[in-house]
Amino acid sequence: MKGIKKSLTEEYLYLELSQQIGGYIFPLHTSVTLFLLSYCDCKIFKVCLVLTTESTDVSLLRSVLSKDVEIHITSRQELPPVVQNCRLPAVVERPDSFCRAGLAVVLRHIIQKSYESDPSKKEILELLGFKKTCLKACAEVSQWTRLCELTIPVAIENFLRESSDQPPTIPAEILELEKKLSEPVRVHNDDKLRRQKLKQQKAAGAGPSLAKEKTKNKVHRPETSEAVDSSSASLELQVALSKLLVQEESAPANREPSHIRKTKASDLPPLEHVFAEGLYFTLADIVLLPCIHHFLVIICKKLPEKLVEFPLLAAWYRRIQEVPRVKTAASQCGIQFLHLPELQTSSNEWHPNLDEVPCVEEQNDSSFIGGPRPTMTKLMEKGIEVMFSPHPCPTWTLDWNTLPAAVSPKEGKMSSDRALRKQQQLNNLVYVVTNQAKPGDRIVDFCSGGGHVGIVLAHMLPSCQVILIENKELSLIRAKKRSDELGLSNIWFIQANMEYFTGIFNIGEHMILCRFADQTAVQLPPQRRLIGKQCMCLVDLDRARAAEERGYSVQVISMEPESCSPKNNMIVGVPV
């Protein structure tokens, strides 16, 4: 293809197509992915729509599919085996051993490959945001990733289905997004920009009371959207536009006046949202646009009186249409933008029924007293205590000197002390798995990191299929390189959050990290480490019981020697 480097690996992009209602493609993950392909003008993937129902009328899809993207139709049964074990969307590199699955992982990969194919498209790479971290944190740990990647698309799908035969209910996730758009923006040069904004406000005749009023309330909504879109947001818009044009933010011609420099940080006006994550157009906006567009279409048709409740969302929707190439990409994907009026923000109280996970500051307040001890005491009173199975062979070890160099964790470029501890950990894990595994078994290494466990197992058990699942791309790439050096053919690599893996397996290795259970590092005070160890054991006990309820025979065993890892529990489960 013209403009594509010949060295690029051929990759297949698989998108689910479950149904089409009107102009909507379900799931919305597919609509979002197609929109990004169109926005990036990306033609380096072979795009395959995976039909989940035979009744889908493919001829109706042309109106909502980009005409510039060649689409192939396939079925779930025709997918490569590694992809059959994942939720879509997914991208697989030939020869079908390295798979990326899940919306955020796949979209980030499309952006990276689009930029690699044409490095002049710097604005494409800017979609990944500051330090290239936009939607990089997995949904299990990031509320923002979970909102964009999972809960909003699913909530809008349910909203669209509900609206077909009855008045729909506004999803709580949309209320949460409206609230987030009202929160002050934090950026890396926050202080500098806020002082420029204060100078701008004073020049326009706005008093300093605006900043103080906003800092008094956790959530503040300006009186009118005109104030946001013109005077108070003009600096934010200037910064955002300079970024869209891949320019440096313009520095002030002169040094700030003395009264601006001396203003306390707490008295500076907050920065307000231009786009979903703050001042800059990012991947988060790409993900949200098809979802919010479909939501607003239904609102305008069936619940127009509700539109006034979403002034910030409506302002974001109008603003995003001004981003270069957005209208073109949207049109190619069957999205015809609405013309929304500028809305005044009502003075009504904010929706009080949003249940949010407490932030770090809230977790540290005075109401959180006692740490894990009260819970541990209650469990002991109910007769729930930690019990370990004895280690079956604490002195067993692999003969590392006879193994190929690429099998050793020393190949992972770690210190000799850490490599020794890693070998000790592997001794424990390999002993347990090799004594349980049978030819033809499928072994999954969850949160595999650089693949130390999976690579050893694939080498030791050539008749078993080993699957490495890891969210961090670079870790899996390093593991793939070591695997290729060993010539392993019984190993798959899946970059995804764990919830995107749907395959069946016979043996699974998983080390859980969870709040107080994470506090077992050797540098911590002994008493704190002991509590952390007890918490970790209780968490693992709970996991063991859950596995038993699903038909597994389970043992919780501590690795030997204990010093090999501060998180040295193994949960060994065998199907009964």
Protein backbone atom coordinates (compact mmCIF):
# COMPACT_ATOMS: atom_id res chain seq x y z
CA MET A 1 0.00 0.00 0.00
CA LYS A 2 1.19 3.51 -0.73
CA GLY A 3 3.03 5.21 2.12
CA ILE A 4 3.32 2.10 4.31
CA LYS A 5 6.71 0.82 5.34
CA LYS A 6 7.39 -2.65 3.94
CA SER A 7 8.85 -3.73 7.29
CA LEU A 8 5.49 -3.42 9.05
CA THR A 9 4.12 -6.77 10.17
CA GLU A 10 0.82 -7.80 8.61
CA GLU A 11 -1.88 -7.46 11.23
CA TYR A 12 -5.56 -8.42 11.34
CA LEU A 13 -8.10 -6.36 13.26
CA TYR A 14 -11.18 -8.29 14.43
CA LEU A 15 -14.32 -6.36 15.38
CA GLU A 16 -17.51 -7.85 16.73
CA LEU A 17 -20.83 -7.18 15.02
CA SER A 18 -23.74 -8.40 17.10
CA GLN A 19 -26.57 -6.33 15.63
CA GLN A 20 -27.51 -3.09 13.91
CA ILE A 21 -30.48 -1.00 14.98
CA GLY A 22 -31.11 2.04 12.80
CA GLY A 23 -27.77 3.75 12.40
CA TYR A 24 -26.19 2.06 15.41
CA ILE A 25 -23.62 -0.73 15.28
CA PHE A 26 -23.45 -2.92 18.37
CA PRO A 27 -21.25 -3.23 20.27
CA LEU A 28 -20.24 0.43 20.36
CA HIS A 29 -16.61 -0.71 20.75
CA THR A 30 -16.78 -1.52 17.03
CA SER A 31 -18.15 1.94 16.13
CA VAL A 32 -15.41 3.58 18.19
CA THR A 33 -12.65 1.54 16.53
CA LEU A 34 -13.94 2.25 13.03
CA PHE A 35 -14.13 5.97 13.85
CA LEU A 36 -10.48 5.98 14.99
CA LEU A 37 -9.39 4.16 11.82
CA SER A 38 -11.15 6.82 9.78
CA TYR A 39 -9.76 9.71 11.84
CA CYS A 40 -6.20 8.35 11.51
CA ASP A 41 -6.76 7.51 7.83
CA CYS A 42 -5.29 4.14 8.77
CA LYS A 43 -5.27 1.40 6.13
CA ILE A 44 -2.52 -0.85 7.45
CA PHE A 45 -4.84 -3.38 9.12
CA LYS A 46 -6.95 -6.04 7.46
CA VAL A 47 -10.30 -5.35 9.14
CA CYS A 48 -12.60 -8.30 9.76
CA LEU A 49 -16.15 -7.98 11.09
CA VAL A 50 -17.00 -11.01 13.19
CA LEU A 51 -20.71 -11.83 12.95
CA THR A 52 -22.19 -13.21 16.16
CA THR A 53 -25.63 -13.87 14.65
CA GLU A 54 -26.44 -15.31 11.24
CA SER A 55 -29.41 -12.96 10.83
CA THR A 56 -27.25 -9.84 10.52
CA ASP A 57 -27.92 -8.08 7.21
CA VAL A 58 -24.45 -7.12 6.03
CA SER A 59 -25.85 -5.04 3.14
CA LEU A 60 -27.22 -2.49 5.65
CA LEU A 61 -23.76 -1.80 7.06
CA ARG A 62 -22.48 0.34 4.19
CA SER A 63 -24.27 3.44 5.52
CA VAL A 64 -22.39 3.33 8.82
CA LEU A 65 -19.01 1.95 7.72
CA SER A 66 -16.16 4.04 6.40
CA LYS A 67 -16.03 3.66 2.63
CA ASP A 68 -12.23 3.99 2.77
CA VAL A 69 -11.73 0.85 4.87
CA GLU A 70 -11.87 -2.56 3.22
CA ILE A 71 -14.01 -4.81 5.41
CA HIS A 72 -13.98 -8.61 5.44
CA ILE A 73 -16.78 -10.68 6.98
CA THR A 74 -15.98 -13.73 9.11
CA SER A 75 -17.44 -15.86 11.89
CA ARG A 76 -16.27 -16.65 15.40
CA GLN A 77 -15.38 -20.19 14.35
CA GLU A 78 -13.01 -18.89 11.65
CA LEU A 79 -10.95 -16.74 14.04
CA PRO A 80 -7.33 -17.67 14.81
CA PRO A 81 -7.24 -19.86 17.96
CA VAL A 82 -5.55 -17.20 20.09
CA VAL A 83 -8.28 -14.67 19.18
CA GLN A 84 -11.03 -17.17 19.98
CA ASN A 85 -9.89 -16.95 23.60
CA CYS A 86 -10.39 -13.17 23.81
CA ARG A 87 -13.19 -10.66 23.86
CA LEU A 88 -13.14 -8.38 20.85
CA PRO A 89 -11.89 -6.01 19.56
CA ALA A 90 -8.57 -7.74 19.00
CA VAL A 91 -5.51 -7.35 16.78
CA VAL A 92 -3.30 -10.30 15.94
CA GLU A 93 0.10 -10.39 14.29
CA ARG A 94 0.82 -13.19 11.91
CA PRO A 95 1.79 -15.98 12.55
CA ASP A 96 -1.06 -15.66 15.09
CA SER A 97 0.85 -15.95 18.36
CA PHE A 98 0.75 -12.32 19.59
CA CYS A 99 -2.71 -10.86 20.23
CA ARG A 100 -3.84 -7.51 21.62
CA ALA A 101 -7.39 -7.48 23.00
CA GLY A 102 -9.70 -4.93 24.58
CA LEU A 103 -10.76 -1.50 23.39
CA ALA A 104 -8.09 0.68 25.02
CA VAL A 105 -5.21 -1.67 24.13
CA VAL A 106 -6.36 -2.00 20.51
CA LEU A 107 -6.97 1.75 20.01
CA ARG A 108 -3.57 2.67 21.46
CA HIS A 109 -1.98 0.13 19.11
CA ILE A 110 -3.79 1.57 16.08
CA ILE A 111 -2.44 5.03 16.98
CA GLN A 112 1.12 3.73 17.39
CA LYS A 113 1.05 1.84 14.09
CA SER A 114 -0.53 4.77 12.24
CA TYR A 115 2.28 7.02 13.42
CA GLU A 116 4.96 4.44 12.58
CA SER A 117 3.60 4.13 9.05
CA ASP A 118 3.71 7.91 8.57
CA PRO A 119 5.85 9.78 11.18
CA SER A 120 4.75 13.11 9.71
CA LYS A 121 1.36 12.60 11.42
CA LYS A 122 2.53 13.89 14.78
CA GLU A 123 -1.00 14.95 15.67
CA ILE A 124 -1.99 11.27 15.63
CA LEU A 125 0.59 10.43 18.28
CA GLU A 126 -0.63 13.37 20.36
CA LEU A 127 -3.87 11.44 20.90
CA LEU A 128 -1.98 9.43 23.52
CA GLY A 129 -1.66 12.55 25.67
CA PHE A 130 0.98 13.71 28.11
CA LYS A 131 3.72 11.08 28.46
CA LYS A 132 1.63 8.87 26.11
CA THR A 133 -0.46 7.57 29.00
CA CYS A 134 -4.04 8.22 27.82
CA LEU A 135 -6.16 5.14 28.73
CA LYS A 136 -2.96 3.20 29.38
CA ALA A 137 -3.83 2.27 32.97
CA CYS A 138 -6.02 -0.82 32.98
CA ALA A 139 -9.70 -0.57 33.89
CA GLU A 140 -9.16 -2.62 37.06
CA VAL A 141 -7.14 0.22 38.62
CA SER A 142 -8.24 3.36 36.75
CA GLN A 143 -11.76 4.69 37.23
CA TRP A 144 -11.32 6.91 34.17
CA THR A 145 -10.28 4.04 31.88
CA ARG A 146 -13.17 1.94 33.18
CA LEU A 147 -15.64 4.80 32.56
CA CYS A 148 -14.44 5.39 28.97
CA GLU A 149 -13.66 1.85 27.93
CA LEU A 150 -16.39 -0.15 29.64
CA THR A 151 -19.20 1.52 31.56
CA ILE A 152 -20.16 4.37 29.20
CA PRO A 153 -20.27 2.23 26.01
CA VAL A 154 -22.30 -0.48 27.76
CA ALA A 155 -24.61 2.09 29.39
CA ILE A 156 -25.27 3.81 26.05
CA GLU A 157 -25.96 0.47 24.35
CA ASN A 158 -28.57 -0.30 27.00
CA PHE A 159 -29.95 3.24 26.66
CA LEU A 160 -30.36 2.84 22.89
CA ARG A 161 -32.07 -0.53 23.22
CA GLU A 162 -34.39 0.78 25.95
CA SER A 163 -35.30 3.84 23.88
CA SER A 164 -36.65 1.71 21.01
CA ASP A 165 -39.86 0.82 22.88
CA GLN A 166 -40.13 3.05 25.97
CA PRO A 167 -38.92 6.37 27.42
CA PRO A 168 -35.30 5.66 28.41
CA THR A 169 -33.66 6.39 31.76
CA ILE A 170 -30.62 8.69 31.77
CA PRO A 171 -27.57 6.50 32.55
CA ALA A 172 -25.75 7.35 35.77
CA GLU A 173 -22.50 7.12 33.82
CA ILE A 174 -23.53 10.14 31.71
CA LEU A 175 -24.27 12.11 34.86
CA GLU A 176 -20.84 11.16 36.13
CA LEU A 177 -19.19 12.35 32.91
CA GLU A 178 -21.03 15.69 33.12
CA LYS A 179 -19.74 16.04 36.66
CA LYS A 180 -16.17 15.24 35.64
CA LEU A 181 -16.31 17.93 32.97
CA SER A 182 -17.07 20.45 35.72
CA GLU A 183 -14.00 19.56 37.78
CA PRO A 184 -10.83 21.68 37.60
CA VAL A 185 -8.19 20.54 35.12
CA ARG A 186 -4.73 19.51 36.26
CA VAL A 187 -1.84 19.71 33.79
CA HIS A 188 1.93 19.58 34.10
CA ASN A 189 2.38 23.38 33.75
CA ASP A 190 -0.69 24.10 35.82
CA ASP A 191 0.65 27.08 37.82
CA LYS A 192 1.96 28.93 34.78
CA LEU A 193 -1.31 28.63 32.86
CA ARG A 194 -3.46 29.58 35.83
CA ARG A 195 -1.43 32.79 36.32
CA GLN A 196 -1.86 33.62 32.66
CA LYS A 197 -5.58 33.04 33.08
CA LEU A 198 -5.72 35.33 36.12
CA LYS A 199 -3.93 38.04 34.12
CA GLN A 200 -6.39 37.55 31.28
CA GLN A 201 -9.38 37.76 33.63
CA LYS A 202 -8.13 40.97 35.24
CA ALA A 203 -7.51 42.50 31.84
CA ALA A 204 -11.10 41.65 30.91
CA GLY A 205 -12.39 43.17 34.15
CA ALA A 206 -13.20 39.91 35.98
CA GLY A 207 -12.54 40.01 39.69
CA PRO A 208 -10.43 37.49 41.63
CA SER A 209 -13.55 36.28 43.44
CA LEU A 210 -14.11 33.74 40.66
CA ALA A 211 -11.15 31.65 41.77
CA LYS A 212 -12.08 31.77 45.46
CA GLU A 213 -15.68 30.86 44.72
CA LYS A 214 -14.58 27.81 42.77
CA THR A 215 -12.13 26.58 45.37
CA LYS A 216 -14.77 26.69 48.10
CA ASN A 217 -16.86 24.01 46.41
CA LYS A 218 -15.65 20.63 45.27
CA VAL A 219 -17.87 20.80 42.18
CA HIS A 220 -18.59 24.22 40.72
CA ARG A 221 -20.59 24.96 37.62
CA PRO A 222 -20.24 28.38 35.97
CA GLU A 223 -23.35 30.49 35.60
CA THR A 224 -23.51 30.36 31.83
CA SER A 225 -21.85 28.37 29.11
CA GLU A 226 -21.03 31.65 27.37
CA ALA A 227 -18.61 32.42 30.20
CA VAL A 228 -16.95 29.04 29.68
CA ASP A 229 -16.80 29.27 25.90
CA SER A 230 -15.62 32.86 25.62
CA SER A 231 -13.88 34.83 28.33
CA SER A 232 -13.04 32.31 31.06
CA ALA A 233 -12.10 29.51 28.68
CA SER A 234 -10.29 31.55 26.05
CA LEU A 235 -6.86 30.78 27.46
CA GLU A 236 -7.71 27.08 27.64
CA LEU A 237 -8.89 27.20 24.02
CA GLN A 238 -5.70 28.95 22.92
CA VAL A 239 -3.59 26.26 24.57
CA ALA A 240 -5.76 23.48 23.11
CA LEU A 241 -5.61 24.89 19.58
CA SER A 242 -1.84 25.29 19.72
CA LYS A 243 -1.62 21.61 20.63
CA LEU A 244 -3.93 20.56 17.80
CA LEU A 245 -1.67 22.41 15.38
CA VAL A 246 1.36 20.66 16.97
CA GLN A 247 2.83 23.96 18.08
CA GLU A 248 4.45 25.01 21.30
CA GLU A 249 2.24 26.95 23.68
CA SER A 250 3.05 30.61 23.19
CA ALA A 251 4.94 32.16 26.07
CA PRO A 252 3.86 35.55 27.38
CA ALA A 253 5.73 38.42 25.76
CA ASN A 254 6.57 40.05 29.07
CA ARG A 255 7.12 38.91 32.62
CA GLU A 256 3.92 38.63 34.63
CA PRO A 257 3.06 41.72 36.71
CA SER A 258 4.07 41.61 40.36
CA HIS A 259 0.54 41.18 41.70
CA ILE A 260 0.06 38.15 39.41
CA ARG A 261 3.37 36.55 40.46
CA LYS A 262 2.60 37.06 44.15
CA THR A 263 -0.91 35.60 44.03
CA LYS A 264 -1.19 32.46 46.15
CA ALA A 265 -1.74 29.20 44.27
CA SER A 266 -4.98 28.66 46.18
CA ASP A 267 -6.31 31.98 44.83
CA LEU A 268 -5.56 31.26 41.18
CA PRO A 269 -8.54 30.46 38.93
CA PRO A 270 -8.85 26.78 38.02
CA LEU A 271 -8.43 25.63 34.45
CA GLU A 272 -11.62 24.35 32.85
CA HIS A 273 -12.19 21.49 30.45
CA VAL A 274 -11.88 22.03 26.74
CA PHE A 275 -11.90 18.29 26.03
CA ALA A 276 -12.62 15.16 28.04
CA GLU A 277 -9.26 14.87 29.82
CA GLY A 278 -8.65 18.59 30.11
CA LEU A 279 -7.09 21.02 27.66
CA TYR A 280 -6.05 18.62 24.92
CA PHE A 281 -7.86 16.45 22.37
CA THR A 282 -6.96 12.83 23.18
CA LEU A 283 -7.97 9.24 22.62
CA ALA A 284 -10.57 9.63 25.39
CA ASP A 285 -12.47 12.08 23.15
CA ILE A 286 -12.32 9.61 20.26
CA VAL A 287 -13.80 6.87 22.47
CA LEU A 288 -16.55 9.08 23.86
CA LEU A 289 -17.66 10.79 20.66
CA PRO A 290 -19.69 7.96 19.00
CA CYS A 291 -21.22 7.06 22.38
CA ILE A 292 -22.22 10.61 23.32
CA HIS A 293 -23.45 11.35 19.79
CA HIS A 294 -25.90 8.43 19.89
CA PHE A 295 -26.99 9.47 23.39
CA LEU A 296 -27.68 13.05 22.29
CA VAL A 297 -29.62 11.92 19.21
CA ILE A 298 -32.08 10.02 21.43
CA ILE A 299 -32.26 12.88 23.94
CA CYS A 300 -33.11 15.40 21.23
CA LYS A 301 -35.74 13.09 19.72
CA LYS A 302 -37.45 11.69 22.79
CA LEU A 303 -36.38 13.71 25.84
CA PRO A 304 -35.52 17.22 24.57
CA GLU A 305 -36.39 18.76 27.95
CA LYS A 306 -33.47 16.80 29.46
CA LEU A 307 -30.83 18.43 27.25
CA VAL A 308 -30.53 21.44 29.58
CA GLU A 309 -29.17 19.09 32.28
CA PHE A 310 -26.00 18.53 30.23
CA PRO A 311 -24.59 21.98 29.33
CA LEU A 312 -20.96 20.90 29.68
CA LEU A 313 -21.44 17.75 27.64
CA ALA A 314 -23.23 19.75 24.95
CA ALA A 315 -20.42 22.34 24.92
CA TRP A 316 -17.84 19.53 24.60
CA TYR A 317 -19.88 18.02 21.74
CA ARG A 318 -19.95 21.35 19.86
CA ARG A 319 -16.27 21.99 20.50
CA ILE A 320 -15.07 18.57 19.32
CA GLN A 321 -16.64 19.18 15.91
CA GLU A 322 -14.10 21.97 15.36
CA VAL A 323 -11.13 19.59 15.68
CA PRO A 324 -9.50 19.09 12.26
CA ARG A 325 -10.65 15.90 10.45
CA VAL A 326 -13.27 14.99 13.07
CA LYS A 327 -16.23 15.98 10.88
CA THR A 328 -14.76 14.15 7.89
CA ALA A 329 -14.11 10.98 9.89
CA ALA A 330 -17.56 11.15 11.47
CA SER A 331 -19.26 11.58 8.10
CA GLN A 332 -17.39 8.57 6.72
CA CYS A 333 -18.73 6.50 9.63
CA GLY A 334 -22.33 7.60 9.26
CA ILE A 335 -22.27 10.14 12.10
CA GLN A 336 -24.21 13.28 11.19
CA PHE A 337 -23.55 15.87 13.87
CA LEU A 338 -26.41 17.60 15.64
CA HIS A 339 -26.55 21.38 15.87
CA LEU A 340 -27.00 21.94 19.59
CA PRO A 341 -27.82 25.33 21.10
CA GLU A 342 -25.62 26.94 23.71
CA LEU A 343 -27.13 26.00 27.03
CA GLN A 344 -27.27 27.95 30.25
CA THR A 345 -26.25 26.08 33.33
CA SER A 346 -29.11 25.77 35.77
CA SER A 347 -28.63 26.60 39.43
CA ASN A 348 -30.15 23.30 40.50
CA GLU A 349 -28.20 21.15 42.88
CA TRP A 350 -25.92 18.52 41.45
CA HIS A 351 -27.32 15.00 41.10
CA PRO A 352 -26.79 13.50 44.59
CA ASN A 353 -27.09 9.82 43.70
CA LEU A 354 -23.75 9.23 42.03
CA ASP A 355 -21.89 6.46 43.79
CA GLU A 356 -18.16 6.85 43.26
CA VAL A 357 -15.22 4.86 44.52
CA PRO A 358 -13.47 6.98 47.20
CA CYS A 359 -10.37 8.79 46.07
CA VAL A 360 -7.07 8.52 47.92
CA GLU A 361 -7.77 11.64 49.98
CA GLU A 362 -11.16 10.27 51.04
CA GLN A 363 -9.63 6.96 52.01
CA ASN A 364 -7.23 8.76 54.33
CA ASP A 365 -9.85 10.77 56.20
CA SER A 366 -10.75 10.37 59.87
CA SER A 367 -13.66 8.03 59.16
CA PHE A 368 -11.21 5.40 57.90
CA ILE A 369 -9.82 4.14 61.22
CA GLY A 370 -8.12 0.92 62.19
CA GLY A 371 -6.94 -0.26 58.80
CA PRO A 372 -7.49 -3.98 58.24
CA ARG A 373 -7.49 -5.00 61.91
CA PRO A 374 -11.26 -4.73 62.59
CA THR A 375 -12.04 -6.86 59.55
CA MET A 376 -9.38 -9.42 60.47
CA THR A 377 -10.76 -9.62 64.01
CA LYS A 378 -14.30 -10.21 62.76
CA LEU A 379 -13.09 -12.97 60.45
CA MET A 380 -11.25 -14.70 63.30
CA GLU A 381 -14.35 -14.46 65.51
CA LYS A 382 -16.24 -16.29 62.77
CA GLY A 383 -13.60 -19.01 62.65
CA ILE A 384 -12.08 -17.84 59.37
CA GLU A 385 -8.31 -18.10 59.63
CA VAL A 386 -5.47 -18.61 57.24
CA MET A 387 -4.50 -22.21 56.58
CA PHE A 388 -1.65 -23.35 54.35
CA SER A 389 -0.96 -26.69 52.79
CA PRO A 390 2.61 -27.91 53.44
CA HIS A 391 5.03 -27.41 50.60
CA PRO A 392 5.34 -30.81 48.87
CA CYS A 393 9.06 -30.48 48.10
CA PRO A 394 10.68 -27.31 49.48
CA THR A 395 14.21 -28.21 48.33
CA TRP A 396 13.38 -29.02 44.69
CA THR A 397 15.12 -26.87 42.09
CA LEU A 398 15.54 -26.70 38.37
CA ASP A 399 19.02 -27.40 37.03
CA TRP A 400 19.47 -23.91 35.66
CA ASN A 401 22.96 -24.63 34.31
CA THR A 402 21.61 -27.15 31.80
CA LEU A 403 18.83 -24.91 30.48
CA PRO A 404 19.22 -22.57 27.47
CA ALA A 405 20.31 -19.06 28.46
CA ALA A 406 17.08 -17.48 27.19
CA VAL A 407 15.08 -19.54 29.71
CA SER A 408 16.84 -17.95 32.68
CA PRO A 409 15.42 -14.76 34.23
CA LYS A 410 18.96 -13.37 34.00
CA GLU A 411 18.09 -12.70 30.35
CA GLY A 412 15.60 -10.11 31.63
CA LYS A 413 18.49 -7.74 32.43
CA MET A 414 18.02 -7.77 36.21
CA SER A 415 20.56 -7.71 39.05
CA SER A 416 22.15 -11.01 40.13
CA ASP A 417 20.37 -10.89 43.53
CA ARG A 418 16.99 -10.32 41.94
CA ALA A 419 17.66 -13.00 39.31
CA LEU A 420 18.42 -15.49 42.10
CA ARG A 421 15.17 -14.69 43.89
CA LYS A 422 13.31 -14.98 40.59
CA GLN A 423 14.86 -18.42 40.02
CA GLN A 424 13.73 -19.46 43.50
CA GLN A 425 10.19 -18.31 42.72
CA LEU A 426 10.25 -20.24 39.46
CA ASN A 427 11.46 -23.38 41.21
CA ASN A 428 8.26 -23.34 43.28
CA LEU A 429 5.91 -22.56 40.42
CA VAL A 430 7.47 -24.97 37.93
CA TYR A 431 7.46 -27.84 40.45
CA VAL A 432 3.76 -27.46 41.15
CA VAL A 433 2.71 -27.02 37.51
CA THR A 434 4.88 -29.80 36.04
CA ASN A 435 3.46 -32.23 38.59
CA GLN A 436 -0.11 -31.29 37.66
CA ALA A 437 0.11 -30.80 33.90
CA LYS A 438 -0.88 -33.45 31.35
CA PRO A 439 -0.15 -33.49 27.60
CA GLY A 440 -2.58 -31.20 25.81
CA ASP A 441 -3.27 -29.04 28.87
CA ARG A 442 -3.61 -25.28 28.52
CA ILE A 443 -1.61 -23.27 31.10
CA VAL A 444 -2.27 -19.56 31.63
CA ASP A 445 0.16 -17.16 33.29
CA PHE A 446 -2.03 -14.20 34.35
CA CYS A 447 -0.21 -10.87 34.82
CA SER A 448 2.83 -12.54 33.26
CA GLY A 449 5.11 -9.51 33.19
CA GLY A 450 8.21 -10.39 31.17
CA GLY A 451 7.15 -14.02 30.87
CA HIS A 452 9.64 -15.61 33.27
CA VAL A 453 7.14 -18.25 34.41
CA GLY A 454 5.49 -18.88 31.06
CA ILE A 455 8.72 -19.23 29.09
CA VAL A 456 10.16 -21.81 31.52
CA LEU A 457 6.89 -23.78 31.46
CA ALA A 458 6.65 -23.67 27.66
CA HIS A 459 10.21 -25.00 27.45
CA MET A 460 9.69 -27.69 30.10
CA LEU A 461 6.24 -28.78 28.84
CA PRO A 462 6.37 -28.79 25.02
CA SER A 463 3.14 -30.83 24.80
CA CYS A 464 1.15 -28.13 26.66
CA GLN A 465 -0.13 -24.78 25.34
CA VAL A 466 1.12 -21.86 27.46
CA ILE A 467 -0.65 -18.47 27.36
CA LEU A 468 0.88 -15.26 28.73
CA ILE A 469 -1.59 -12.47 29.59
CA GLU A 470 -0.17 -9.05 30.44
CA ASN A 471 -1.37 -5.44 30.11
CA LYS A 472 2.09 -3.92 29.57
CA GLU A 473 3.08 -4.11 25.92
CA LEU A 474 6.86 -3.75 26.37
CA SER A 475 6.95 -6.63 28.87
CA LEU A 476 5.23 -8.94 26.39
CA ILE A 477 7.44 -7.80 23.52
CA ARG A 478 10.52 -8.74 25.59
CA ALA A 479 8.93 -12.10 26.41
CA LYS A 480 8.14 -12.70 22.72
CA LYS A 481 11.74 -11.97 21.78
CA ARG A 482 13.04 -14.52 24.31
CA SER A 483 10.49 -17.06 23.11
CA ASP A 484 11.55 -16.57 19.49
CA GLU A 485 15.19 -17.12 20.48
CA LEU A 486 14.18 -20.46 22.01
CA GLY A 487 12.08 -21.41 19.01
CA LEU A 488 9.02 -22.09 21.18
CA SER A 489 5.88 -22.93 19.20
CA ASN A 490 3.56 -23.74 22.13
CA ILE A 491 3.20 -20.24 23.56
CA TRP A 492 0.75 -17.38 22.95
CA PHE A 493 1.07 -13.75 24.02
CA ILE A 494 -2.05 -11.72 24.81
CA GLN A 495 -1.81 -8.04 25.72
CA ALA A 496 -5.08 -7.40 27.54
CA ASN A 497 -6.71 -6.85 30.88
CA MET A 498 -7.65 -10.16 32.48
CA GLU A 499 -11.37 -9.63 31.93
CA TYR A 500 -10.81 -9.71 28.16
CA PHE A 501 -9.53 -13.29 28.34
CA THR A 502 -12.42 -15.73 27.92
CA GLY A 503 -10.59 -18.99 27.23
CA ILE A 504 -10.80 -22.27 29.10
CA PHE A 505 -7.64 -23.44 30.84
CA ASN A 506 -6.43 -26.33 32.99
CA ILE A 507 -3.85 -24.59 35.19
CA GLY A 508 -3.67 -20.90 36.05
CA GLU A 509 -1.01 -18.91 37.93
CA HIS A 510 -2.11 -15.62 39.39
CA MET A 511 -0.60 -13.43 42.12
CA ILE A 512 -3.11 -10.91 43.48
CA LEU A 513 -2.16 -7.41 44.58
CA CYS A 514 -4.80 -5.79 46.75
CA ARG A 515 -4.58 -2.80 49.06
CA PHE A 516 -3.15 -3.93 52.42
CA ALA A 517 -2.21 -7.28 50.93
CA ASP A 518 0.31 -5.32 48.87
CA GLN A 519 2.21 -4.12 51.95
CA THR A 520 4.69 -6.97 52.35
CA ALA A 521 7.92 -5.39 51.09
CA VAL A 522 11.06 -6.14 53.11
CA GLN A 523 11.78 -2.45 53.74
CA LEU A 524 8.51 -1.99 55.66
CA PRO A 525 8.39 -2.25 59.48
CA PRO A 526 8.08 -5.90 60.65
CA GLN A 527 4.63 -5.44 62.22
CA ARG A 528 3.26 -3.81 59.09
CA ARG A 529 4.72 -6.57 56.94
CA LEU A 530 3.11 -9.19 59.18
CA ILE A 531 -0.32 -7.56 58.80
CA GLY A 532 0.22 -7.29 55.06
CA LYS A 533 1.12 -10.97 54.90
CA GLN A 534 -1.99 -11.91 56.88
CA CYS A 535 -4.16 -9.80 54.58
CA MET A 536 -2.57 -11.37 51.53
CA CYS A 537 -3.26 -14.81 52.94
CA LEU A 538 -6.90 -13.97 53.62
CA VAL A 539 -7.34 -12.65 50.10
CA ASP A 540 -5.77 -15.80 48.70
CA LEU A 541 -7.96 -17.93 50.97
CA ASP A 542 -11.03 -16.17 49.58
CA ARG A 543 -9.83 -16.80 46.04
CA ALA A 544 -9.20 -20.44 46.86
CA ARG A 545 -12.75 -20.84 48.20
CA ALA A 546 -14.16 -19.20 45.06
CA ALA A 547 -12.20 -21.66 42.90
CA GLU A 548 -13.47 -24.60 44.98
CA GLU A 549 -17.04 -23.45 44.39
CA ARG A 550 -16.35 -23.71 40.68
CA GLY A 551 -15.14 -27.29 40.81
CA TYR A 552 -11.44 -27.00 41.56
CA SER A 553 -9.36 -28.76 44.17
CA VAL A 554 -7.28 -25.93 45.64
CA GLN A 555 -4.19 -25.55 47.80
CA VAL A 556 -2.56 -22.35 49.08
CA ILE A 557 1.18 -22.90 49.44
CA SER A 558 4.00 -20.55 50.46
CA MET A 559 7.08 -20.52 48.25
CA GLU A 560 10.43 -21.67 49.60
CA PRO A 561 12.60 -20.00 50.67
CA GLU A 562 10.33 -17.27 52.03
CA SER A 563 12.90 -14.62 51.11
CA CYS A 564 12.48 -15.32 47.38
CA SER A 565 9.53 -12.92 47.21
CA PRO A 566 7.54 -10.70 49.60
CA LYS A 567 4.43 -12.01 47.81
CA ASN A 568 5.24 -15.66 48.07
CA ASN A 569 1.85 -17.40 48.06
CA MET A 570 0.86 -19.85 45.33
CA ILE A 571 -2.77 -20.77 44.66
CA VAL A 572 -2.76 -24.16 42.99
CA GLY A 573 -6.07 -25.26 41.48
CA VAL A 574 -6.81 -28.52 39.66
CA PRO A 575 -10.18 -29.27 38.00
CA VAL A 576 -11.95 -32.04 39.89
